[in-house]
Amino acid sequence: MAVIERDAQIVNPLGMHVRPGAEFVKVANKFKSTVEVHKDGAVVNGKSILGMMTLAAECGSSIRIKTNGDDAEQAMAALLELVAAGFHEMHLKAPAKEKE
């Protein structure tokens, strides 16, 4: 049984909102391994959409993914690929911030 931990940077312009969170959970649930996601001291179940939403990971933030199980390597590879691809949302633009 393998335990793997890797850092990943959120690169999609809108960050970890509902759709990318659901996509992450969908990929994580394809594997038997447990998946934890760490950000700023918080640790959530990577197979839980509610957990993923609590991370509030915006563009440019860093997360640590931890997989544990017989297919941990395959799970990690798939999750890192998804995050690096910007959850297939690189075409979207972040809304402009209002000036104060």
N, C-alpha and C. Protein backbone atom coordinates (compact mmCIF):
# COMPACT_ATOMS: atom_id res chain seq x y z
N MET A 1 0.84 -1.18 0.00
CA MET A 1 0.00 0.00 0.00
C MET A 1 0.89 1.24 0.00
N ALA A 2 0.65 2.12 -0.94
CA ALA A 2 1.49 3.31 -1.09
C ALA A 2 0.79 4.55 -0.54
N VAL A 3 1.60 5.45 0.02
CA VAL A 3 1.13 6.77 0.44
C VAL A 3 1.95 7.79 -0.35
N ILE A 4 1.27 8.66 -1.07
CA ILE A 4 1.95 9.65 -1.91
C ILE A 4 1.40 11.03 -1.58
N GLU A 5 2.30 12.01 -1.48
CA GLU A 5 1.89 13.40 -1.26
C GLU A 5 2.58 14.28 -2.29
N ARG A 6 1.80 15.16 -2.91
CA ARG A 6 2.34 16.08 -3.91
C ARG A 6 1.64 17.43 -3.78
N ASP A 7 2.37 18.49 -4.12
CA ASP A 7 1.80 19.83 -4.15
C ASP A 7 1.31 20.13 -5.55
N ALA A 8 0.25 20.91 -5.63
CA ALA A 8 -0.29 21.33 -6.93
C ALA A 8 -0.77 22.77 -6.79
N GLN A 9 -0.65 23.51 -7.88
CA GLN A 9 -1.10 24.90 -7.88
C GLN A 9 -2.39 25.01 -8.67
N ILE A 10 -3.35 25.74 -8.13
CA ILE A 10 -4.61 25.99 -8.82
C ILE A 10 -4.34 27.04 -9.89
N VAL A 11 -4.55 26.68 -11.16
CA VAL A 11 -4.20 27.58 -12.26
C VAL A 11 -5.40 28.10 -13.04
N ASN A 12 -6.56 27.49 -12.85
CA ASN A 12 -7.72 27.99 -13.61
C ASN A 12 -8.17 29.34 -13.04
N PRO A 13 -8.57 30.26 -13.90
CA PRO A 13 -8.87 31.63 -13.48
C PRO A 13 -9.92 31.76 -12.38
N LEU A 14 -10.89 30.86 -12.34
CA LEU A 14 -11.97 30.97 -11.36
C LEU A 14 -11.71 30.18 -10.08
N GLY A 15 -10.58 29.48 -10.02
CA GLY A 15 -10.24 28.73 -8.82
C GLY A 15 -11.14 27.52 -8.61
N MET A 16 -11.13 27.02 -7.37
CA MET A 16 -11.89 25.81 -7.03
C MET A 16 -13.31 26.18 -6.63
N HIS A 17 -14.17 26.32 -7.64
CA HIS A 17 -15.59 26.55 -7.36
C HIS A 17 -16.32 25.22 -7.55
N VAL A 18 -17.62 25.23 -7.67
CA VAL A 18 -18.40 23.99 -7.66
C VAL A 18 -18.01 23.04 -8.79
N ARG A 19 -17.93 23.52 -10.04
CA ARG A 19 -17.67 22.61 -11.14
C ARG A 19 -16.31 21.93 -11.04
N PRO A 20 -15.20 22.66 -10.83
CA PRO A 20 -13.92 21.96 -10.69
C PRO A 20 -13.86 21.09 -9.44
N GLY A 21 -14.53 21.52 -8.38
CA GLY A 21 -14.58 20.69 -7.18
C GLY A 21 -15.26 19.37 -7.46
N ALA A 22 -16.38 19.43 -8.19
CA ALA A 22 -17.10 18.21 -8.55
C ALA A 22 -16.27 17.34 -9.49
N GLU A 23 -15.53 17.96 -10.39
CA GLU A 23 -14.67 17.22 -11.31
C GLU A 23 -13.56 16.49 -10.54
N PHE A 24 -12.97 17.17 -9.56
CA PHE A 24 -11.93 16.57 -8.72
C PHE A 24 -12.50 15.36 -7.99
N VAL A 25 -13.68 15.52 -7.38
CA VAL A 25 -14.33 14.43 -6.63
C VAL A 25 -14.65 13.26 -7.56
N LYS A 26 -15.12 13.56 -8.76
CA LYS A 26 -15.44 12.52 -9.74
C LYS A 26 -14.21 11.68 -10.07
N VAL A 27 -13.09 12.35 -10.32
CA VAL A 27 -11.85 11.63 -10.63
C VAL A 27 -11.37 10.86 -9.40
N ALA A 28 -11.39 11.48 -8.24
CA ALA A 28 -10.94 10.81 -7.01
C ALA A 28 -11.74 9.54 -6.73
N ASN A 29 -13.03 9.58 -7.00
CA ASN A 29 -13.90 8.44 -6.73
C ASN A 29 -13.74 7.29 -7.71
N LYS A 30 -12.94 7.46 -8.74
CA LYS A 30 -12.64 6.37 -9.67
C LYS A 30 -11.64 5.38 -9.06
N PHE A 31 -11.03 5.77 -7.94
CA PHE A 31 -9.96 4.98 -7.34
C PHE A 31 -10.36 4.49 -5.95
N LYS A 32 -9.77 3.37 -5.55
CA LYS A 32 -10.02 2.81 -4.22
C LYS A 32 -9.27 3.57 -3.13
N SER A 33 -8.15 4.17 -3.48
CA SER A 33 -7.32 4.89 -2.51
C SER A 33 -8.09 6.03 -1.85
N THR A 34 -7.71 6.32 -0.60
CA THR A 34 -8.25 7.51 0.04
C THR A 34 -7.54 8.73 -0.55
N VAL A 35 -8.23 9.85 -0.57
CA VAL A 35 -7.67 11.09 -1.10
C VAL A 35 -7.93 12.20 -0.09
N GLU A 36 -6.86 12.83 0.37
CA GLU A 36 -6.97 13.99 1.25
C GLU A 36 -6.41 15.19 0.50
N VAL A 37 -7.00 16.35 0.76
CA VAL A 37 -6.50 17.59 0.18
C VAL A 37 -6.25 18.55 1.34
N HIS A 38 -5.04 19.12 1.36
CA HIS A 38 -4.61 20.03 2.42
C HIS A 38 -4.43 21.43 1.83
N LYS A 39 -4.92 22.43 2.57
CA LYS A 39 -4.70 23.83 2.18
C LYS A 39 -4.76 24.70 3.43
N ASP A 40 -3.70 25.43 3.66
CA ASP A 40 -3.65 26.39 4.78
C ASP A 40 -4.07 25.76 6.11
N GLY A 41 -3.60 24.56 6.38
CA GLY A 41 -3.89 23.90 7.65
C GLY A 41 -5.18 23.09 7.67
N ALA A 42 -6.04 23.29 6.68
CA ALA A 42 -7.28 22.52 6.59
C ALA A 42 -7.02 21.22 5.84
N VAL A 43 -7.67 20.15 6.27
CA VAL A 43 -7.56 18.85 5.61
C VAL A 43 -8.98 18.37 5.31
N VAL A 44 -9.24 18.06 4.03
CA VAL A 44 -10.58 17.59 3.65
C VAL A 44 -10.49 16.29 2.87
N ASN A 45 -11.60 15.58 2.84
CA ASN A 45 -11.73 14.36 2.05
C ASN A 45 -11.88 14.77 0.58
N GLY A 46 -10.94 14.35 -0.25
CA GLY A 46 -10.97 14.69 -1.67
C GLY A 46 -12.06 14.00 -2.45
N LYS A 47 -12.80 13.12 -1.79
CA LYS A 47 -13.93 12.44 -2.42
C LYS A 47 -15.26 13.05 -1.99
N SER A 48 -15.20 14.19 -1.31
CA SER A 48 -16.40 14.87 -0.81
C SER A 48 -16.50 16.27 -1.43
N ILE A 49 -17.59 16.52 -2.15
CA ILE A 49 -17.76 17.84 -2.76
C ILE A 49 -17.86 18.93 -1.69
N LEU A 50 -18.53 18.63 -0.59
CA LEU A 50 -18.64 19.62 0.49
C LEU A 50 -17.27 19.96 1.05
N GLY A 51 -16.45 18.94 1.27
CA GLY A 51 -15.10 19.17 1.76
C GLY A 51 -14.28 20.02 0.80
N MET A 52 -14.37 19.71 -0.48
CA MET A 52 -13.60 20.45 -1.47
C MET A 52 -14.03 21.92 -1.53
N MET A 53 -15.32 22.18 -1.36
CA MET A 53 -15.81 23.56 -1.40
C MET A 53 -15.31 24.39 -0.22
N THR A 54 -15.09 23.75 0.92
CA THR A 54 -14.63 24.50 2.09
C THR A 54 -13.20 25.00 1.95
N LEU A 55 -12.45 24.46 0.99
CA LEU A 55 -11.06 24.89 0.82
C LEU A 55 -10.95 26.30 0.26
N ALA A 56 -11.93 26.72 -0.53
CA ALA A 56 -11.89 28.06 -1.15
C ALA A 56 -10.54 28.32 -1.80
N ALA A 57 -10.09 27.39 -2.63
CA ALA A 57 -8.78 27.50 -3.29
C ALA A 57 -8.91 28.36 -4.54
N GLU A 58 -8.39 29.57 -4.47
CA GLU A 58 -8.48 30.49 -5.60
C GLU A 58 -7.29 30.30 -6.53
N CYS A 59 -7.37 30.92 -7.69
CA CYS A 59 -6.30 30.84 -8.68
C CYS A 59 -4.99 31.31 -8.05
N GLY A 60 -3.95 30.52 -8.24
CA GLY A 60 -2.64 30.84 -7.69
C GLY A 60 -2.35 30.20 -6.35
N SER A 61 -3.38 29.68 -5.70
CA SER A 61 -3.16 29.04 -4.40
C SER A 61 -2.60 27.64 -4.59
N SER A 62 -2.00 27.14 -3.53
CA SER A 62 -1.36 25.82 -3.56
C SER A 62 -2.13 24.86 -2.66
N ILE A 63 -2.30 23.63 -3.15
CA ILE A 63 -2.91 22.58 -2.35
C ILE A 63 -1.94 21.40 -2.29
N ARG A 64 -2.07 20.58 -1.27
CA ARG A 64 -1.29 19.35 -1.17
C ARG A 64 -2.27 18.20 -1.25
N ILE A 65 -2.01 17.29 -2.18
CA ILE A 65 -2.86 16.11 -2.38
C ILE A 65 -2.14 14.91 -1.79
N LYS A 66 -2.89 14.11 -1.03
CA LYS A 66 -2.33 12.90 -0.43
C LYS A 66 -3.23 11.73 -0.81
N THR A 67 -2.63 10.71 -1.45
CA THR A 67 -3.36 9.50 -1.80
C THR A 67 -2.77 8.34 -1.02
N ASN A 68 -3.63 7.40 -0.62
CA ASN A 68 -3.20 6.28 0.20
C ASN A 68 -3.98 5.04 -0.21
N GLY A 69 -3.27 4.05 -0.74
CA GLY A 69 -3.93 2.81 -1.14
C GLY A 69 -3.18 2.09 -2.24
N ASP A 70 -3.77 0.99 -2.67
CA ASP A 70 -3.12 0.17 -3.70
C ASP A 70 -2.99 0.88 -5.04
N ASP A 71 -3.91 1.78 -5.35
CA ASP A 71 -3.85 2.50 -6.63
C ASP A 71 -3.50 3.98 -6.42
N ALA A 72 -2.75 4.26 -5.35
CA ALA A 72 -2.41 5.64 -5.00
C ALA A 72 -1.65 6.36 -6.11
N GLU A 73 -0.73 5.65 -6.77
CA GLU A 73 0.06 6.28 -7.84
C GLU A 73 -0.83 6.70 -9.00
N GLN A 74 -1.74 5.83 -9.39
CA GLN A 74 -2.65 6.13 -10.50
C GLN A 74 -3.60 7.27 -10.12
N ALA A 75 -4.10 7.24 -8.89
CA ALA A 75 -4.99 8.30 -8.43
C ALA A 75 -4.27 9.65 -8.44
N MET A 76 -3.05 9.66 -7.91
CA MET A 76 -2.28 10.90 -7.87
C MET A 76 -2.03 11.44 -9.27
N ALA A 77 -1.63 10.57 -10.18
CA ALA A 77 -1.36 11.01 -11.55
C ALA A 77 -2.60 11.64 -12.18
N ALA A 78 -3.75 11.01 -12.00
CA ALA A 78 -4.99 11.52 -12.59
C ALA A 78 -5.39 12.86 -11.98
N LEU A 79 -5.25 12.99 -10.67
CA LEU A 79 -5.63 14.23 -10.00
C LEU A 79 -4.68 15.38 -10.34
N LEU A 80 -3.38 15.09 -10.39
CA LEU A 80 -2.41 16.13 -10.76
C LEU A 80 -2.64 16.59 -12.20
N GLU A 81 -2.97 15.66 -13.08
CA GLU A 81 -3.24 16.01 -14.48
C GLU A 81 -4.46 16.93 -14.56
N LEU A 82 -5.50 16.62 -13.80
CA LEU A 82 -6.71 17.44 -13.80
C LEU A 82 -6.43 18.85 -13.30
N VAL A 83 -5.71 18.96 -12.19
CA VAL A 83 -5.39 20.28 -11.62
C VAL A 83 -4.50 21.07 -12.58
N ALA A 84 -3.48 20.41 -13.15
CA ALA A 84 -2.56 21.09 -14.07
C ALA A 84 -3.28 21.58 -15.33
N ALA A 85 -4.33 20.86 -15.73
CA ALA A 85 -5.11 21.25 -16.91
C ALA A 85 -6.12 22.35 -16.58
N GLY A 86 -6.08 22.85 -15.35
CA GLY A 86 -7.00 23.91 -14.95
C GLY A 86 -8.44 23.44 -14.93
N PHE A 87 -8.63 22.15 -14.64
CA PHE A 87 -9.98 21.57 -14.59
C PHE A 87 -10.71 21.80 -15.91
N HIS A 88 -9.94 21.96 -17.00
CA HIS A 88 -10.48 22.21 -18.34
C HIS A 88 -11.28 23.51 -18.39
N GLU A 89 -10.84 24.50 -17.61
CA GLU A 89 -11.51 25.80 -17.55
C GLU A 89 -10.58 26.96 -17.90
N MET A 90 -9.49 26.70 -18.56
CA MET A 90 -8.54 27.77 -18.84
C MET A 90 -9.10 28.83 -19.78
N HIS A 91 -10.18 28.51 -20.48
CA HIS A 91 -10.81 29.47 -21.40
C HIS A 91 -11.68 30.49 -20.67
N LEU A 92 -12.00 30.24 -19.41
CA LEU A 92 -12.86 31.15 -18.65
C LEU A 92 -12.05 32.30 -18.05
N LYS A 93 -12.69 33.42 -17.88
CA LYS A 93 -12.02 34.60 -17.32
C LYS A 93 -12.58 34.90 -15.93
N ALA A 94 -11.70 35.29 -15.03
CA ALA A 94 -12.14 35.70 -13.70
C ALA A 94 -12.84 37.05 -13.83
N PRO A 95 -13.90 37.28 -13.06
CA PRO A 95 -14.58 38.58 -13.13
C PRO A 95 -13.66 39.70 -12.65
N ALA A 96 -13.80 40.85 -13.27
CA ALA A 96 -12.99 42.01 -12.88
C ALA A 96 -13.41 42.46 -11.48
N LYS A 97 -12.43 42.80 -10.68
CA LYS A 97 -12.71 43.29 -9.32
C LYS A 97 -13.05 44.77 -9.38
N GLU A 98 -14.04 45.14 -8.60
CA GLU A 98 -14.43 46.55 -8.56
C GLU A 98 -13.40 47.35 -7.77
N LYS A 99 -13.15 48.57 -8.24
CA LYS A 99 -12.23 49.45 -7.52
C LYS A 99 -12.98 50.07 -6.36
N GLU A 100 -12.27 50.20 -5.24
CA GLU A 100 -12.90 50.79 -4.05
C GLU A 100 -12.75 52.28 -4.03
